[in-house]
Amino acid sequence: MLALPGALAEESVDHPVFNGIAFSQAPEAGSGVCFGPDAAEAMSCAQDKCMAESGLGPEDCGVNLWCWPHGWVADVFMQHQEGPHWHSLICNANSRKELDLLVEAKCAADYLIECAPVRVWDMEGNEIAGQ
């Protein structure tokens, strides 16, 4: 079997199914994350979770990431020096070390007063400690 980055939702010799990750965000209000092999289903799930968390509607909880296969993923909290804050996802890293280097590069912007991973998922989609 060909080894590709990402997580297997189901595995069969004939047709492996890889998971992707969908992320929906209402900046400064809430977010939603869902994994799955189908982009439309995962995006709808992520948007529903964002709306439930934020209390806002679909126009505010935009899906701003679909990454397939997802590989290693980090949810990075970022805050601008002028106050606004948001989350940015990094996906499809091949290892935790590579993911940490990508987070470090993203957080190097001089306009940020805070920047750190708050959630991390491994290649199988398991959430692990962010730091």
C-alpha atoms as a PDB file:
ATOM      1  CA  MET A   1       0.000   0.000   0.000  1.00  0.00           C
ATOM      2  CA  LEU A   2       1.231   3.485  -0.831  1.00  0.00           C
ATOM      3  CA  ALA A   3       1.970   5.528   2.299  1.00  0.00           C
ATOM      4  CA  LEU A   4       0.623   9.063   2.044  1.00  0.00           C
ATOM      5  CA  PRO A   5       0.454  11.717   4.774  1.00  0.00           C
ATOM      6  CA  GLY A   6      -2.912  11.870   6.419  1.00  0.00           C
ATOM      7  CA  ALA A   7      -5.187   9.695   8.453  1.00  0.00           C
ATOM      8  CA  LEU A   8      -7.086   6.633   7.382  1.00  0.00           C
ATOM      9  CA  ALA A   9     -10.785   6.723   8.138  1.00  0.00           C
ATOM     10  CA  GLU A  10     -11.255   3.176   6.901  1.00  0.00           C
ATOM     11  CA  GLU A  11      -8.687   0.953   5.364  1.00  0.00           C
ATOM     12  CA  SER A  12      -9.195  -1.604   2.665  1.00  0.00           C
ATOM     13  CA  VAL A  13      -6.654  -3.166   0.378  1.00  0.00           C
ATOM     14  CA  ASP A  14      -8.510  -1.869  -2.667  1.00  0.00           C
ATOM     15  CA  HIS A  15      -9.473   1.675  -1.630  1.00  0.00           C
ATOM     16  CA  PRO A  16      -7.967   3.380   1.409  1.00  0.00           C
ATOM     17  CA  VAL A  17     -10.040   6.360   2.575  1.00  0.00           C
ATOM     18  CA  PHE A  18      -8.053   9.315   3.866  1.00  0.00           C
ATOM     19  CA  ASN A  19      -9.485  11.895   6.243  1.00  0.00           C
ATOM     20  CA  GLY A  20      -9.346  15.613   5.735  1.00  0.00           C
ATOM     21  CA  ILE A  21      -9.959  18.388   8.249  1.00  0.00           C
ATOM     22  CA  ALA A  22     -12.454  21.244   7.953  1.00  0.00           C
ATOM     23  CA  PHE A  23     -12.238  24.389  10.079  1.00  0.00           C
ATOM     24  CA  SER A  24     -14.944  27.018  10.457  1.00  0.00           C
ATOM     25  CA  GLN A  25     -14.404  30.260  12.325  1.00  0.00           C
ATOM     26  CA  ALA A  26     -16.301  33.292  13.538  1.00  0.00           C
ATOM     27  CA  PRO A  27     -13.336  35.513  14.535  1.00  0.00           C
ATOM     28  CA  GLU A  28     -13.368  36.416  18.209  1.00  0.00           C
ATOM     29  CA  ALA A  29     -16.549  34.346  18.708  1.00  0.00           C
ATOM     30  CA  GLY A  30     -16.063  30.611  18.080  1.00  0.00           C
ATOM     31  CA  SER A  31     -14.867  27.854  15.823  1.00  0.00           C
ATOM     32  CA  GLY A  32     -15.587  24.294  14.741  1.00  0.00           C
ATOM     33  CA  VAL A  33     -13.339  21.465  13.606  1.00  0.00           C
ATOM     34  CA  CYS A  34     -14.392  18.200  11.939  1.00  0.00           C
ATOM     35  CA  PHE A  35     -12.508  15.339  10.324  1.00  0.00           C
ATOM     36  CA  GLY A  36     -13.804  13.132   7.531  1.00  0.00           C
ATOM     37  CA  PRO A  37     -13.165  11.833   4.026  1.00  0.00           C
ATOM     38  CA  ASP A  38     -15.961  13.935   2.454  1.00  0.00           C
ATOM     39  CA  ALA A  39     -15.235  17.667   2.152  1.00  0.00           C
ATOM     40  CA  ALA A  40     -18.875  18.829   2.058  1.00  0.00           C
ATOM     41  CA  GLU A  41     -19.859  16.765   5.119  1.00  0.00           C
ATOM     42  CA  ALA A  42     -16.799  17.818   7.133  1.00  0.00           C
ATOM     43  CA  MET A  43     -17.313  21.497   6.240  1.00  0.00           C
ATOM     44  CA  SER A  44     -20.992  21.372   7.189  1.00  0.00           C
ATOM     45  CA  CYS A  45     -20.092  19.679  10.489  1.00  0.00           C
ATOM     46  CA  ALA A  46     -17.415  22.309  11.256  1.00  0.00           C
ATOM     47  CA  GLN A  47     -19.817  25.148  10.454  1.00  0.00           C
ATOM     48  CA  ASP A  48     -22.515  23.607  12.690  1.00  0.00           C
ATOM     49  CA  LYS A  49     -20.027  23.340  15.566  1.00  0.00           C
ATOM     50  CA  CYS A  50     -18.943  26.963  15.067  1.00  0.00           C
ATOM     51  CA  MET A  51     -22.549  28.164  15.117  1.00  0.00           C
ATOM     52  CA  ALA A  52     -23.278  26.143  18.277  1.00  0.00           C
ATOM     53  CA  GLU A  53     -20.190  27.527  20.039  1.00  0.00           C
ATOM     54  CA  SER A  54     -20.575  31.139  18.926  1.00  0.00           C
ATOM     55  CA  GLY A  55     -24.356  31.504  18.755  1.00  0.00           C
ATOM     56  CA  LEU A  56     -23.910  33.099  15.328  1.00  0.00           C
ATOM     57  CA  GLY A  57     -25.259  32.095  11.909  1.00  0.00           C
ATOM     58  CA  PRO A  58     -23.634  30.592   8.813  1.00  0.00           C
ATOM     59  CA  GLU A  59     -22.773  34.029   7.424  1.00  0.00           C
ATOM     60  CA  ASP A  60     -20.479  34.557  10.439  1.00  0.00           C
ATOM     61  CA  CYS A  61     -19.089  31.013  10.724  1.00  0.00           C
ATOM     62  CA  GLY A  62     -17.243  30.777   7.464  1.00  0.00           C
ATOM     63  CA  VAL A  63     -15.432  27.589   6.567  1.00  0.00           C
ATOM     64  CA  ASN A  64     -11.908  28.786   5.993  1.00  0.00           C
ATOM     65  CA  LEU A  65      -9.983  25.547   5.652  1.00  0.00           C
ATOM     66  CA  TRP A  66     -10.344  22.155   4.054  1.00  0.00           C
ATOM     67  CA  CYS A  67      -7.126  20.167   4.074  1.00  0.00           C
ATOM     68  CA  TRP A  68      -6.925  16.658   2.627  1.00  0.00           C
ATOM     69  CA  PRO A  69      -5.206  14.526   3.707  1.00  0.00           C
ATOM     70  CA  HIS A  70      -4.764  16.419   6.952  1.00  0.00           C
ATOM     71  CA  GLY A  71      -1.388  15.101   8.205  1.00  0.00           C
ATOM     72  CA  TRP A  72      -0.227  16.725  11.455  1.00  0.00           C
ATOM     73  CA  VAL A  73      -2.407  19.773  12.260  1.00  0.00           C
ATOM     74  CA  ALA A  74      -2.042  22.741  14.629  1.00  0.00           C
ATOM     75  CA  ASP A  75      -4.700  25.247  15.674  1.00  0.00           C
ATOM     76  CA  VAL A  76      -2.674  28.393  16.328  1.00  0.00           C
ATOM     77  CA  PHE A  77      -4.083  31.261  18.421  1.00  0.00           C
ATOM     78  CA  MET A  78      -2.841  34.613  17.100  1.00  0.00           C
ATOM     79  CA  GLN A  79      -3.367  38.096  18.532  1.00  0.00           C
ATOM     80  CA  HIS A  80      -2.479  41.313  16.721  1.00  0.00           C
ATOM     81  CA  GLN A  81      -0.813  44.110  18.707  1.00  0.00           C
ATOM     82  CA  GLU A  82      -3.920  46.242  18.087  1.00  0.00           C
ATOM     83  CA  GLY A  83      -6.148  43.688  19.848  1.00  0.00           C
ATOM     84  CA  PRO A  84      -7.984  41.488  17.326  1.00  0.00           C
ATOM     85  CA  HIS A  85      -7.369  37.769  17.684  1.00  0.00           C
ATOM     86  CA  TRP A  86      -8.111  34.741  15.553  1.00  0.00           C
ATOM     87  CA  HIS A  87      -7.119  31.131  14.965  1.00  0.00           C
ATOM     88  CA  SER A  88      -5.076  29.898  12.038  1.00  0.00           C
ATOM     89  CA  LEU A  89      -4.668  26.237  11.143  1.00  0.00           C
ATOM     90  CA  ILE A  90      -1.560  24.644   9.763  1.00  0.00           C
ATOM     91  CA  CYS A  91      -2.145  21.254   8.188  1.00  0.00           C
ATOM     92  CA  ASN A  92      -0.487  18.446   6.287  1.00  0.00           C
ATOM     93  CA  ALA A  93       2.848  18.466   8.125  1.00  0.00           C
ATOM     94  CA  ASN A  94       4.637  15.126   7.900  1.00  0.00           C
ATOM     95  CA  SER A  95       5.814  15.046  11.538  1.00  0.00           C
ATOM     96  CA  ARG A  96       5.407  16.843  14.852  1.00  0.00           C
ATOM     97  CA  LYS A  97       8.861  18.372  14.362  1.00  0.00           C
ATOM     98  CA  GLU A  98       7.878  19.782  10.956  1.00  0.00           C
ATOM     99  CA  LEU A  99       4.611  21.101  12.417  1.00  0.00           C
ATOM    100  CA  ASP A 100       6.475  22.838  15.255  1.00  0.00           C
ATOM    101  CA  LEU A 101       8.797  24.527  12.725  1.00  0.00           C
ATOM    102  CA  LEU A 102       5.812  25.725  10.671  1.00  0.00           C
ATOM    103  CA  VAL A 103       4.156  27.136  13.819  1.00  0.00           C
ATOM    104  CA  GLU A 104       7.394  28.888  14.763  1.00  0.00           C
ATOM    105  CA  ALA A 105       7.602  30.499  11.315  1.00  0.00           C
ATOM    106  CA  LYS A 106       3.942  31.622  11.428  1.00  0.00           C
ATOM    107  CA  CYS A 107       4.435  33.112  14.898  1.00  0.00           C
ATOM    108  CA  ALA A 108       7.515  35.108  13.877  1.00  0.00           C
ATOM    109  CA  ALA A 109       5.428  38.043  12.598  1.00  0.00           C
ATOM    110  CA  ASP A 110       6.436  41.234  14.432  1.00  0.00           C
ATOM    111  CA  TYR A 111       2.835  42.526  14.701  1.00  0.00           C
ATOM    112  CA  LEU A 112       1.761  39.632  16.963  1.00  0.00           C
ATOM    113  CA  ILE A 113       1.698  40.030  20.733  1.00  0.00           C
ATOM    114  CA  GLU A 114       0.600  36.438  21.262  1.00  0.00           C
ATOM    115  CA  CYS A 115       0.922  33.362  19.097  1.00  0.00           C
ATOM    116  CA  ALA A 116       0.848  29.740  20.209  1.00  0.00           C
ATOM    117  CA  PRO A 117      -0.618  26.373  19.251  1.00  0.00           C
ATOM    118  CA  VAL A 118      -3.705  25.648  21.343  1.00  0.00           C
ATOM    119  CA  ARG A 119      -4.607  22.288  19.790  1.00  0.00           C
ATOM    120  CA  VAL A 120      -2.596  19.725  17.844  1.00  0.00           C
ATOM    121  CA  TRP A 121      -3.754  16.611  16.012  1.00  0.00           C
ATOM    122  CA  ASP A 122      -1.518  13.752  14.893  1.00  0.00           C
ATOM    123  CA  MET A 123      -1.611  11.894  11.571  1.00  0.00           C
ATOM    124  CA  GLU A 124      -4.494   9.731  12.785  1.00  0.00           C
ATOM    125  CA  GLY A 125      -6.605  12.724  13.838  1.00  0.00           C
ATOM    126  CA  ASN A 126      -6.043  12.244  17.580  1.00  0.00           C
ATOM    127  CA  GLU A 127      -5.918  15.487  19.539  1.00  0.00           C
ATOM    128  CA  ILE A 128      -2.727  15.754  21.589  1.00  0.00           C
ATOM    129  CA  ALA A 129      -1.251  18.446  23.810  1.00  0.00           C
ATOM    130  CA  GLY A 130      -0.711  21.711  21.906  1.00  0.00           C
ATOM    131  CA  GLN A 131       2.571  22.664  23.531  1.00  0.00           C
END
